[in-house]
Amino acid sequence: MDPVLLARTGTSAPGRAATAWAAHEAELRGAVLRVPDRPVREPGRASLIVCGVSGDAGVPPGSGSSWDALVDGARGPVVLVPDLLAASHRRTGVVLGVDARDPSAAALAFAFQSARLRGVRLHAVHAWALPADAVYRPFGVPEADRAAWEDQEVQLLGDALRPWRERYPEVEVLADVRLLSPTAALLHCSERAALAVVPGGPGALAWQEAARALLRRATCAVAVVPS
């Protein structure tokens, strides 16, 4: 099992929160928790990197750069733990932001695995919007059209999740289609989640912005998984 890497953050509040989260994650995975002596730049083989961030700005303590620098340079999942992480026994689920039109296999795999390790439900949320020309319709969008479009989105999400449900039959999955922005959808669906998972990379900027908004709320840890 590849180790869990903890980006060194000292004894600050984000550092303590990240240390506790990383230790628990390593125990769940049966992995070694490793704390490099130097900042993580080329981590090599690791199951994930854990870093504490300031919830108000999303900045790794002492790094002098935004957390995007760490996420962009990572080869695998990066878990960002806000310093004021809300502690609640009710926060047990895993929520996944997924683009059903271009699903990230890496993010799906990490989310399903995280839910299985915790023995909790995976809440997979797909955000969608009405067609651009809908706003120009003089009498608004007919309910039948909106329902048909939504049915298409539901089908897309179902197709994206199907192979992963087959691979992880023990994981209960809630497939959720929301006529909202990714940020609004993730904030709403993560109210009781312990972990939120979003895809990384240039094609997933909307979900990464949603992750940043969630970190500012400091409600749960956020995993950014590069494709």
C-alpha atoms as a PDB file:
ATOM      1  CA  MET A   1       0.000   0.000   0.000  1.00  0.00           C
ATOM      2  CA  ASP A   2       1.400   3.379  -1.019  1.00  0.00           C
ATOM      3  CA  PRO A   3       1.810   5.791   1.901  1.00  0.00           C
ATOM      4  CA  VAL A   4      -0.389   8.719   2.816  1.00  0.00           C
ATOM      5  CA  LEU A   5       1.735  11.874   2.623  1.00  0.00           C
ATOM      6  CA  LEU A   6       1.126  14.728   5.022  1.00  0.00           C
ATOM      7  CA  ALA A   7       2.415  18.060   3.747  1.00  0.00           C
ATOM      8  CA  ARG A   8       4.328  19.566   6.677  1.00  0.00           C
ATOM      9  CA  THR A   9       2.341  22.407   8.212  1.00  0.00           C
ATOM     10  CA  GLY A  10       3.777  22.715  11.724  1.00  0.00           C
ATOM     11  CA  THR A  11       1.601  23.175  14.813  1.00  0.00           C
ATOM     12  CA  SER A  12      -0.846  25.671  13.323  1.00  0.00           C
ATOM     13  CA  ALA A  13      -4.588  25.026  13.402  1.00  0.00           C
ATOM     14  CA  PRO A  14      -4.568  23.792   9.786  1.00  0.00           C
ATOM     15  CA  GLY A  15      -1.590  21.604  10.598  1.00  0.00           C
ATOM     16  CA  ARG A  16      -3.334  19.956  13.537  1.00  0.00           C
ATOM     17  CA  ALA A  17      -6.535  19.402  11.568  1.00  0.00           C
ATOM     18  CA  ALA A  18      -4.632  17.913   8.638  1.00  0.00           C
ATOM     19  CA  THR A  19      -2.550  15.667  10.902  1.00  0.00           C
ATOM     20  CA  ALA A  20      -5.634  14.224  12.592  1.00  0.00           C
ATOM     21  CA  TRP A  21      -7.383  13.688   9.254  1.00  0.00           C
ATOM     22  CA  ALA A  22      -4.332  12.092   7.630  1.00  0.00           C
ATOM     23  CA  ALA A  23      -3.738   9.746  10.570  1.00  0.00           C
ATOM     24  CA  HIS A  24      -7.330   8.530  10.428  1.00  0.00           C
ATOM     25  CA  GLU A  25      -7.182   8.091   6.638  1.00  0.00           C
ATOM     26  CA  ALA A  26      -3.948   6.111   6.853  1.00  0.00           C
ATOM     27  CA  GLU A  27      -5.556   3.836   9.436  1.00  0.00           C
ATOM     28  CA  LEU A  28      -8.589   3.282   7.190  1.00  0.00           C
ATOM     29  CA  ARG A  29      -6.340   2.406   4.261  1.00  0.00           C
ATOM     30  CA  GLY A  30      -3.908   0.290   6.256  1.00  0.00           C
ATOM     31  CA  ALA A  31      -1.179   2.592   4.966  1.00  0.00           C
ATOM     32  CA  VAL A  32       1.856   4.266   6.480  1.00  0.00           C
ATOM     33  CA  LEU A  33       1.558   7.973   7.276  1.00  0.00           C
ATOM     34  CA  ARG A  34       4.672   9.748   6.049  1.00  0.00           C
ATOM     35  CA  VAL A  35       5.642  13.351   6.763  1.00  0.00           C
ATOM     36  CA  PRO A  36       8.347  14.546   4.336  1.00  0.00           C
ATOM     37  CA  ASP A  37      11.100  16.769   5.712  1.00  0.00           C
ATOM     38  CA  ARG A  38      10.685  19.125   2.765  1.00  0.00           C
ATOM     39  CA  PRO A  39       7.659  20.585   0.974  1.00  0.00           C
ATOM     40  CA  VAL A  40       5.935  18.059  -1.268  1.00  0.00           C
ATOM     41  CA  ARG A  41       6.936  18.792  -4.863  1.00  0.00           C
ATOM     42  CA  GLU A  42       7.611  15.416  -6.454  1.00  0.00           C
ATOM     43  CA  PRO A  43       5.837  12.975  -4.124  1.00  0.00           C
ATOM     44  CA  GLY A  44       6.508   9.872  -6.177  1.00  0.00           C
ATOM     45  CA  ARG A  45       4.201   7.011  -5.248  1.00  0.00           C
ATOM     46  CA  ALA A  46       1.550   7.971  -2.717  1.00  0.00           C
ATOM     47  CA  SER A  47      -2.080   7.017  -2.228  1.00  0.00           C
ATOM     48  CA  LEU A  48      -2.834  10.676  -1.516  1.00  0.00           C
ATOM     49  CA  ILE A  49      -1.402  13.932  -0.173  1.00  0.00           C
ATOM     50  CA  VAL A  50      -3.058  15.677   2.774  1.00  0.00           C
ATOM     51  CA  CYS A  51      -2.581  19.401   3.371  1.00  0.00           C
ATOM     52  CA  GLY A  52      -4.095  21.786   5.895  1.00  0.00           C
ATOM     53  CA  VAL A  53      -5.550  25.014   4.529  1.00  0.00           C
ATOM     54  CA  SER A  54      -6.913  28.210   5.985  1.00  0.00           C
ATOM     55  CA  GLY A  55     -10.643  28.067   5.451  1.00  0.00           C
ATOM     56  CA  ASP A  56     -10.993  31.781   4.779  1.00  0.00           C
ATOM     57  CA  ALA A  57      -8.551  31.851   1.893  1.00  0.00           C
ATOM     58  CA  GLY A  58      -7.715  28.279   0.982  1.00  0.00           C
ATOM     59  CA  VAL A  59      -3.974  28.823   1.345  1.00  0.00           C
ATOM     60  CA  PRO A  60      -1.582  26.159   2.653  1.00  0.00           C
ATOM     61  CA  PRO A  61       0.170  27.662   5.716  1.00  0.00           C
ATOM     62  CA  GLY A  62       3.707  28.797   5.069  1.00  0.00           C
ATOM     63  CA  SER A  63       3.568  28.008   1.377  1.00  0.00           C
ATOM     64  CA  GLY A  64       3.261  31.556   0.066  1.00  0.00           C
ATOM     65  CA  SER A  65       1.066  30.301  -2.795  1.00  0.00           C
ATOM     66  CA  SER A  66      -2.507  29.240  -3.307  1.00  0.00           C
ATOM     67  CA  TRP A  67      -3.505  25.644  -2.898  1.00  0.00           C
ATOM     68  CA  ASP A  68      -3.921  25.465  -6.677  1.00  0.00           C
ATOM     69  CA  ALA A  69      -0.144  25.185  -6.989  1.00  0.00           C
ATOM     70  CA  LEU A  70      -0.130  22.018  -4.910  1.00  0.00           C
ATOM     71  CA  VAL A  71      -3.169  20.580  -6.668  1.00  0.00           C
ATOM     72  CA  ASP A  72      -1.905  21.392 -10.171  1.00  0.00           C
ATOM     73  CA  GLY A  73       1.449  19.760  -9.546  1.00  0.00           C
ATOM     74  CA  ALA A  74       0.116  16.580  -7.958  1.00  0.00           C
ATOM     75  CA  ARG A  75       0.013  13.248  -9.740  1.00  0.00           C
ATOM     76  CA  GLY A  76      -2.666  11.842  -7.463  1.00  0.00           C
ATOM     77  CA  PRO A  77      -5.437  12.920  -5.092  1.00  0.00           C
ATOM     78  CA  VAL A  78      -4.830  15.904  -2.824  1.00  0.00           C
ATOM     79  CA  VAL A  79      -7.011  16.221   0.263  1.00  0.00           C
ATOM     80  CA  LEU A  80      -7.361  19.743   1.634  1.00  0.00           C
ATOM     81  CA  VAL A  81      -8.397  19.967   5.278  1.00  0.00           C
ATOM     82  CA  PRO A  82      -9.745  23.330   6.517  1.00  0.00           C
ATOM     83  CA  ASP A  83      -8.431  24.580   9.838  1.00  0.00           C
ATOM     84  CA  LEU A  84     -11.912  25.028  11.342  1.00  0.00           C
ATOM     85  CA  LEU A  85     -13.130  21.640  10.148  1.00  0.00           C
ATOM     86  CA  ALA A  86     -16.638  21.128  11.485  1.00  0.00           C
ATOM     87  CA  ALA A  87     -16.636  18.071  13.742  1.00  0.00           C
ATOM     88  CA  SER A  88     -19.889  16.136  13.897  1.00  0.00           C
ATOM     89  CA  HIS A  89     -20.703  12.458  14.220  1.00  0.00           C
ATOM     90  CA  ARG A  90     -23.430  13.047  11.647  1.00  0.00           C
ATOM     91  CA  ARG A  91     -20.787  13.952   9.055  1.00  0.00           C
ATOM     92  CA  THR A  92     -20.090  10.530   7.666  1.00  0.00           C
ATOM     93  CA  GLY A  93     -21.000  10.550   3.967  1.00  0.00           C
ATOM     94  CA  VAL A  94     -18.939  11.143   0.853  1.00  0.00           C
ATOM     95  CA  VAL A  95     -20.189  13.551  -1.823  1.00  0.00           C
ATOM     96  CA  LEU A  96     -18.822  13.515  -5.365  1.00  0.00           C
ATOM     97  CA  GLY A  97     -19.112  16.301  -7.912  1.00  0.00           C
ATOM     98  CA  VAL A  98     -19.305  14.637 -11.318  1.00  0.00           C
ATOM     99  CA  ASP A  99     -19.651  15.978 -14.828  1.00  0.00           C
ATOM    100  CA  ALA A 100     -21.854  13.276 -16.338  1.00  0.00           C
ATOM    101  CA  ARG A 101     -20.921  14.397 -19.861  1.00  0.00           C
ATOM    102  CA  ASP A 102     -17.211  13.958 -19.219  1.00  0.00           C
ATOM    103  CA  PRO A 103     -16.840  11.883 -16.052  1.00  0.00           C
ATOM    104  CA  SER A 104     -13.441  11.618 -14.405  1.00  0.00           C
ATOM    105  CA  ALA A 105     -12.565   7.967 -13.874  1.00  0.00           C
ATOM    106  CA  ALA A 106      -9.938   8.924 -11.289  1.00  0.00           C
ATOM    107  CA  ALA A 107     -12.382  10.987  -9.215  1.00  0.00           C
ATOM    108  CA  LEU A 108     -15.053   8.286  -9.439  1.00  0.00           C
ATOM    109  CA  ALA A 109     -12.599   5.597  -8.335  1.00  0.00           C
ATOM    110  CA  PHE A 110     -11.370   7.666  -5.395  1.00  0.00           C
ATOM    111  CA  ALA A 111     -14.902   8.560  -4.284  1.00  0.00           C
ATOM    112  CA  PHE A 112     -16.179   4.981  -4.452  1.00  0.00           C
ATOM    113  CA  GLN A 113     -13.114   3.708  -2.622  1.00  0.00           C
ATOM    114  CA  SER A 114     -13.476   6.380   0.072  1.00  0.00           C
ATOM    115  CA  ALA A 115     -17.133   5.497   0.593  1.00  0.00           C
ATOM    116  CA  ARG A 116     -16.319   1.786   0.779  1.00  0.00           C
ATOM    117  CA  LEU A 117     -13.537   2.314   3.324  1.00  0.00           C
ATOM    118  CA  ARG A 118     -15.884   4.319   5.536  1.00  0.00           C
ATOM    119  CA  GLY A 119     -18.906   2.106   5.015  1.00  0.00           C
ATOM    120  CA  VAL A 120     -21.037   5.106   4.039  1.00  0.00           C
ATOM    121  CA  ARG A 121     -23.259   6.211   1.182  1.00  0.00           C
ATOM    122  CA  LEU A 122     -21.818   7.983  -1.835  1.00  0.00           C
ATOM    123  CA  HIS A 123     -23.812  11.022  -2.916  1.00  0.00           C
ATOM    124  CA  ALA A 124     -22.980  11.627  -6.583  1.00  0.00           C
ATOM    125  CA  VAL A 125     -24.197  15.040  -7.735  1.00  0.00           C
ATOM    126  CA  HIS A 126     -24.321  16.242 -11.338  1.00  0.00           C
ATOM    127  CA  ALA A 127     -24.997  19.954 -11.917  1.00  0.00           C
ATOM    128  CA  TRP A 128     -26.645  21.046 -15.158  1.00  0.00           C
ATOM    129  CA  ALA A 129     -28.066  24.167 -16.770  1.00  0.00           C
ATOM    130  CA  LEU A 130     -30.845  24.897 -19.231  1.00  0.00           C
ATOM    131  CA  PRO A 131     -29.805  25.336 -22.879  1.00  0.00           C
ATOM    132  CA  ALA A 132     -28.378  28.772 -23.575  1.00  0.00           C
ATOM    133  CA  ASP A 133     -31.223  29.715 -25.891  1.00  0.00           C
ATOM    134  CA  ALA A 134     -33.852  28.957 -23.247  1.00  0.00           C
ATOM    135  CA  VAL A 135     -33.581  32.453 -21.783  1.00  0.00           C
ATOM    136  CA  TYR A 136     -34.712  33.958 -25.083  1.00  0.00           C
ATOM    137  CA  ARG A 137     -37.997  32.089 -25.229  1.00  0.00           C
ATOM    138  CA  PRO A 138     -40.772  34.708 -24.943  1.00  0.00           C
ATOM    139  CA  PHE A 139     -43.051  32.504 -22.841  1.00  0.00           C
ATOM    140  CA  GLY A 140     -40.421  30.744 -20.797  1.00  0.00           C
ATOM    141  CA  VAL A 141     -39.480  27.058 -20.860  1.00  0.00           C
ATOM    142  CA  PRO A 142     -42.420  24.625 -21.020  1.00  0.00           C
ATOM    143  CA  GLU A 143     -42.454  22.160 -18.140  1.00  0.00           C
ATOM    144  CA  ALA A 144     -42.456  19.246 -20.590  1.00  0.00           C
ATOM    145  CA  ASP A 145     -39.219  20.486 -22.178  1.00  0.00           C
ATOM    146  CA  ARG A 146     -37.550  21.011 -18.827  1.00  0.00           C
ATOM    147  CA  ALA A 147     -38.588  17.532 -17.689  1.00  0.00           C
ATOM    148  CA  ALA A 148     -37.256  15.978 -20.902  1.00  0.00           C
ATOM    149  CA  TRP A 149     -33.923  17.732 -20.518  1.00  0.00           C
ATOM    150  CA  GLU A 150     -33.689  16.621 -16.908  1.00  0.00           C
ATOM    151  CA  ASP A 151     -34.441  13.028 -17.888  1.00  0.00           C
ATOM    152  CA  GLN A 152     -31.493  13.195 -20.280  1.00  0.00           C
ATOM    153  CA  GLU A 153     -29.221  14.420 -17.487  1.00  0.00           C
ATOM    154  CA  VAL A 154     -30.436  11.629 -15.199  1.00  0.00           C
ATOM    155  CA  GLN A 155     -29.634   9.091 -17.911  1.00  0.00           C
ATOM    156  CA  LEU A 156     -26.171  10.560 -18.413  1.00  0.00           C
ATOM    157  CA  LEU A 157     -25.397  10.344 -14.709  1.00  0.00           C
ATOM    158  CA  GLY A 158     -26.725   6.801 -14.518  1.00  0.00           C
ATOM    159  CA  ASP A 159     -24.512   5.774 -17.428  1.00  0.00           C
ATOM    160  CA  ALA A 160     -21.459   7.389 -15.800  1.00  0.00           C
ATOM    161  CA  LEU A 161     -22.053   5.606 -12.480  1.00  0.00           C
ATOM    162  CA  ARG A 162     -23.073   2.180 -13.783  1.00  0.00           C
ATOM    163  CA  PRO A 163     -19.610   0.575 -14.201  1.00  0.00           C
ATOM    164  CA  TRP A 164     -18.520   1.844 -10.789  1.00  0.00           C
ATOM    165  CA  ARG A 165     -21.644   0.539  -9.098  1.00  0.00           C
ATOM    166  CA  GLU A 166     -20.856  -2.845 -10.600  1.00  0.00           C
ATOM    167  CA  ARG A 167     -17.262  -2.636  -9.385  1.00  0.00           C
ATOM    168  CA  TYR A 168     -18.289  -1.533  -5.873  1.00  0.00           C
ATOM    169  CA  PRO A 169     -21.621  -3.312  -5.250  1.00  0.00           C
ATOM    170  CA  GLU A 170     -21.305  -2.815  -1.492  1.00  0.00           C
ATOM    171  CA  VAL A 171     -21.420   0.995  -1.822  1.00  0.00           C
ATOM    172  CA  GLU A 172     -24.857   2.573  -1.587  1.00  0.00           C
ATOM    173  CA  VAL A 173     -25.143   5.364  -4.165  1.00  0.00           C
ATOM    174  CA  LEU A 174     -27.475   8.341  -4.306  1.00  0.00           C
ATOM    175  CA  ALA A 175     -27.493   9.715  -7.861  1.00  0.00           C
ATOM    176  CA  ASP A 176     -28.545  13.355  -7.714  1.00  0.00           C
ATOM    177  CA  VAL A 177     -29.147  15.698 -10.671  1.00  0.00           C
ATOM    178  CA  ARG A 178     -29.377  19.388  -9.781  1.00  0.00           C
ATOM    179  CA  LEU A 179     -30.432  22.330 -11.928  1.00  0.00           C
ATOM    180  CA  LEU A 180     -27.823  24.450 -10.167  1.00  0.00           C
ATOM    181  CA  SER A 181     -24.277  25.678 -10.627  1.00  0.00           C
ATOM    182  CA  PRO A 182     -21.569  23.249  -9.449  1.00  0.00           C
ATOM    183  CA  THR A 183     -20.831  25.534  -6.489  1.00  0.00           C
ATOM    184  CA  ALA A 184     -24.453  25.744  -5.340  1.00  0.00           C
ATOM    185  CA  ALA A 185     -24.953  22.011  -5.853  1.00  0.00           C
ATOM    186  CA  LEU A 186     -21.832  21.026  -3.913  1.00  0.00           C
ATOM    187  CA  LEU A 187     -22.525  23.404  -1.032  1.00  0.00           C
ATOM    188  CA  HIS A 188     -26.066  22.099  -0.687  1.00  0.00           C
ATOM    189  CA  CYS A 189     -25.230  18.410  -0.989  1.00  0.00           C
ATOM    190  CA  SER A 190     -22.229  18.443   1.363  1.00  0.00           C
ATOM    191  CA  GLU A 191     -24.056  19.757   4.421  1.00  0.00           C
ATOM    192  CA  ARG A 192     -23.617  16.447   6.251  1.00  0.00           C
ATOM    193  CA  ALA A 193     -20.640  15.035   4.354  1.00  0.00           C
ATOM    194  CA  ALA A 194     -17.284  14.225   5.920  1.00  0.00           C
ATOM    195  CA  LEU A 195     -15.511  14.311   2.556  1.00  0.00           C
ATOM    196  CA  ALA A 196     -16.220  15.981  -0.786  1.00  0.00           C
ATOM    197  CA  VAL A 197     -14.500  14.762  -3.953  1.00  0.00           C
ATOM    198  CA  VAL A 198     -14.114  16.820  -7.124  1.00  0.00           C
ATOM    199  CA  PRO A 199     -12.209  16.225 -10.364  1.00  0.00           C
ATOM    200  CA  GLY A 200      -9.063  18.227 -11.082  1.00  0.00           C
ATOM    201  CA  GLY A 201      -7.536  19.479 -14.287  1.00  0.00           C
ATOM    202  CA  PRO A 202      -8.305  22.226 -16.815  1.00  0.00           C
ATOM    203  CA  GLY A 203     -11.620  20.669 -17.802  1.00  0.00           C
ATOM    204  CA  ALA A 204     -13.014  20.736 -14.271  1.00  0.00           C
ATOM    205  CA  LEU A 205     -12.504  24.366 -13.259  1.00  0.00           C
ATOM    206  CA  ALA A 206     -16.138  24.815 -12.231  1.00  0.00           C
ATOM    207  CA  TRP A 207     -15.910  21.955  -9.740  1.00  0.00           C
ATOM    208  CA  GLN A 208     -12.590  23.249  -8.416  1.00  0.00           C
ATOM    209  CA  GLU A 209     -14.187  26.642  -7.796  1.00  0.00           C
ATOM    210  CA  ALA A 210     -16.956  24.796  -5.972  1.00  0.00           C
ATOM    211  CA  ALA A 211     -14.294  23.082  -3.847  1.00  0.00           C
ATOM    212  CA  ARG A 212     -12.764  26.433  -2.975  1.00  0.00           C
ATOM    213  CA  ALA A 213     -16.164  27.737  -1.853  1.00  0.00           C
ATOM    214  CA  LEU A 214     -16.667  24.640   0.271  1.00  0.00           C
ATOM    215  CA  LEU A 215     -13.279  25.088   1.949  1.00  0.00           C
ATOM    216  CA  ARG A 216     -14.178  28.660   2.851  1.00  0.00           C
ATOM    217  CA  ARG A 217     -17.204  27.265   4.691  1.00  0.00           C
ATOM    218  CA  ALA A 218     -14.859  24.818   6.463  1.00  0.00           C
ATOM    219  CA  THR A 219     -17.536  22.146   6.576  1.00  0.00           C
ATOM    220  CA  CYS A 220     -15.592  19.114   5.393  1.00  0.00           C
ATOM    221  CA  ALA A 221     -12.349  17.923   3.857  1.00  0.00           C
ATOM    222  CA  VAL A 222     -12.112  18.246   0.074  1.00  0.00           C
ATOM    223  CA  ALA A 223     -10.283  15.863  -2.249  1.00  0.00           C
ATOM    224  CA  VAL A 224      -9.191  17.161  -5.645  1.00  0.00           C
ATOM    225  CA  VAL A 225      -8.391  14.238  -7.950  1.00  0.00           C
ATOM    226  CA  PRO A 226      -6.471  14.915 -11.182  1.00  0.00           C
ATOM    227  CA  SER A 227      -7.711  13.059 -14.237  1.00  0.00           C
END
